[in-house]
Amino acid sequence: MAALPSDKDFVEFVVKAIVDHPEDVKVDRRVDEMGVLLTLKTHPEDMGEVIGRHGATAKALRTLLRIVGLRHHARVNLKIEEPEGGYAGRRLQRPQTSAEDMAKVVEDLKES
């Protein structure tokens, strides 16, 4: 029987296969009383690939990681770190709509 890959190696292999900057993929592994925590760090441009539409890729990766963990008799969790300059920073800088702009939109809707 072939040796089972470690959880850390599994995450690195899968993530490096789907990102544009595989050299920037880093996985840290910590073990505590709650189980194993893998922390994934990627290039900021690759966050969309890792998370996927509506989080589907991240969810699938976590599901597969739980199976790998079961094979090793461990509870494995995955944390995806938001890189510096990632999406969360852009989300907070959304331009605000003024009351005047909203009034104009309402007036335009009434006229049509």
Protein backbone atom coordinates (compact mmCIF):
# COMPACT_ATOMS: atom_id res chain seq x y z
CA MET A 1 0.00 0.00 0.00
CA ALA A 2 1.34 3.47 -0.90
CA ALA A 3 2.14 5.95 1.82
CA LEU A 4 -0.57 8.52 2.48
CA PRO A 5 0.34 12.14 1.73
CA SER A 6 0.38 14.47 4.71
CA ASP A 7 -2.41 17.02 5.02
CA LYS A 8 0.04 19.88 4.47
CA ASP A 9 1.47 18.27 1.31
CA PHE A 10 -2.03 17.62 0.01
CA VAL A 11 -3.09 21.27 0.38
CA GLU A 12 0.13 22.54 -1.20
CA PHE A 13 -0.24 20.16 -4.16
CA VAL A 14 -3.87 21.06 -4.88
CA VAL A 15 -3.50 24.82 -4.41
CA LYS A 16 -0.30 25.05 -6.46
CA ALA A 17 -2.13 23.30 -9.30
CA ILE A 18 -4.90 25.91 -9.48
CA VAL A 19 -3.08 29.23 -8.89
CA ASP A 20 -1.05 31.43 -11.23
CA HIS A 21 1.75 32.02 -8.70
CA PRO A 22 2.55 28.58 -7.21
CA GLU A 23 5.86 29.83 -5.83
CA ASP A 24 3.94 32.10 -3.40
CA VAL A 25 1.85 29.29 -1.85
CA LYS A 26 2.78 28.73 1.79
CA VAL A 27 1.09 26.34 4.20
CA ASP A 28 1.79 26.45 7.94
CA ARG A 29 0.76 23.50 10.13
CA ARG A 30 -0.05 23.75 13.84
CA VAL A 31 -1.29 21.04 16.14
CA ASP A 32 -3.15 21.75 19.38
CA GLU A 33 -5.84 20.16 21.54
CA MET A 34 -8.50 21.03 18.91
CA GLY A 35 -6.67 19.19 16.12
CA VAL A 36 -4.60 20.35 13.16
CA LEU A 37 -4.84 23.89 11.79
CA LEU A 38 -3.44 24.53 8.33
CA THR A 39 -2.98 28.19 7.43
CA LEU A 40 -2.81 28.92 3.70
CA LYS A 41 -1.10 32.02 2.32
CA THR A 42 -1.16 32.86 -1.39
CA HIS A 43 -0.38 35.69 -3.78
CA PRO A 44 -3.13 38.38 -3.60
CA GLU A 45 -4.08 37.81 -7.26
CA ASP A 46 -4.72 34.11 -6.57
CA MET A 47 -7.29 34.55 -3.81
CA GLY A 48 -10.19 34.32 -6.25
CA GLU A 49 -8.91 31.01 -7.60
CA VAL A 50 -8.46 29.56 -4.12
CA ILE A 51 -11.84 30.68 -2.78
CA GLY A 52 -13.84 30.18 -5.97
CA ARG A 53 -17.28 31.42 -6.85
CA HIS A 54 -19.34 31.78 -3.67
CA GLY A 55 -16.58 29.91 -1.80
CA ALA A 56 -17.12 26.66 -3.70
CA THR A 57 -13.43 25.86 -4.24
CA ALA A 58 -12.53 26.57 -0.61
CA LYS A 59 -15.44 24.43 0.57
CA ALA A 60 -14.39 21.53 -1.68
CA LEU A 61 -10.80 21.81 -0.49
CA ARG A 62 -11.93 21.71 3.15
CA THR A 63 -14.12 18.68 2.46
CA LEU A 64 -11.24 16.78 0.85
CA LEU A 65 -8.96 17.85 3.68
CA ARG A 66 -11.36 16.36 6.23
CA ILE A 67 -11.12 13.04 4.38
CA VAL A 68 -7.32 13.20 4.43
CA GLY A 69 -7.54 13.99 8.14
CA LEU A 70 -9.78 10.98 8.78
CA ARG A 71 -7.21 8.75 7.12
CA HIS A 72 -4.63 10.10 9.58
CA HIS A 73 -7.05 9.98 12.54
CA ALA A 74 -6.94 13.77 12.99
CA ARG A 75 -9.34 16.67 12.76
CA VAL A 76 -7.95 19.07 10.16
CA ASN A 77 -9.14 22.66 9.61
CA LEU A 78 -8.07 25.09 6.91
CA LYS A 79 -7.69 28.84 7.40
CA ILE A 80 -7.14 30.94 4.29
CA GLU A 81 -5.32 34.14 5.18
CA GLU A 82 -6.33 37.36 3.48
CA PRO A 83 -3.15 38.71 1.88
CA GLU A 84 -1.97 42.29 2.18
CA GLY A 85 -3.92 44.33 -0.37
CA GLY A 86 -6.53 41.61 -0.82
CA TYR A 87 -10.25 41.90 -1.50
CA ALA A 88 -11.29 42.92 2.03
CA GLY A 89 -9.34 46.15 1.76
CA ARG A 90 -10.99 47.05 -1.54
CA ARG A 91 -14.43 46.19 -0.20
CA LEU A 92 -14.11 48.77 2.57
CA GLN A 93 -13.11 51.53 0.14
CA ARG A 94 -16.35 51.47 -1.85
CA PRO A 95 -17.46 55.00 -2.85
CA GLN A 96 -20.46 56.28 -0.94
CA THR A 97 -23.61 57.44 -2.72
CA SER A 98 -24.69 60.91 -1.67
CA ALA A 99 -28.27 61.84 -0.77
CA GLU A 100 -28.38 64.10 -3.83
CA ASP A 101 -27.44 61.22 -6.13
CA MET A 102 -30.12 59.03 -4.58
CA ALA A 103 -32.74 61.80 -4.96
CA LYS A 104 -31.83 62.11 -8.65
CA VAL A 105 -32.25 58.35 -9.15
CA VAL A 106 -35.67 58.44 -7.46
CA GLU A 107 -36.75 61.38 -9.65
CA ASP A 108 -35.60 59.56 -12.78
CA LEU A 109 -37.56 56.48 -11.76
CA LYS A 110 -40.72 58.53 -11.17
CA GLU A 111 -40.43 60.10 -14.63
CA SER A 112 -40.11 56.77 -16.42
